[in-house]
């Protein structure tokens, strides 16, 4: 279902995906009343509609509920499929209840923002604006969820074919970054100078297309595979 609002009349075009048409209409009306220059150009209620609507409407931002009409947690599936078809798709996942694992799963699915329905609606509008500017939308407690996840299961960062992108040393450094270590602490842990640690970080950022520690953690969550015995033997 496509709303009557013309995308050319607004700064930011939005696709809304919820579990039913009424929820889509209510969300669309609320977004457009907000006055933040948002135009809902398409809506969807299941995974296939999300993909088709994205291709047809080419929205700037996709707001996807965690549970669509095609099942519990189908919003995560829709996000994964959307991101696999278009790496430019910018998805904010709406969680009914925010739990550490669901936040991690949302970013792992490819979301660039996670929003809990327990938060004020104005914050959702703000998150859309920030994501449209090219930023991630993640609050402090969610960052901690990601850090804890990386501590528990340090990822082996791979490409689509499963090839490891980082050396064993670089992988170890990512693990320490995920633990929240400073450059000075990492230099002591690895017996390296701080200058060398910075060089390693810049090299990792360049390899992965990230620019800071938060983006690195999100990349690791999104592209990582849990390290198993023997993983990361490259020097």
Foldseek 3Di string as FASTA:
>chain_A
DFDPDDLVQFDFEEEEEAADPVVRVVVQVVLVVPPPRYHHGYYYQALVRLQVCCVVVVGLEYEHECAGNVGHRRSLVSLLVNCVVPVNYAYEYEYQDDDLVVLLSSLQSPHLEYHYPVDDPVVVSVQSVQVSVVHGHDDDVNLVSLLVVCQVFPFQFADPVRHGQDALVLSVLLSCVSPVDDLVRVCVVVVHDSVVSVVSVVVVCVSQVHDDNSVSSSSCSHGTDGDDVPPRPGD
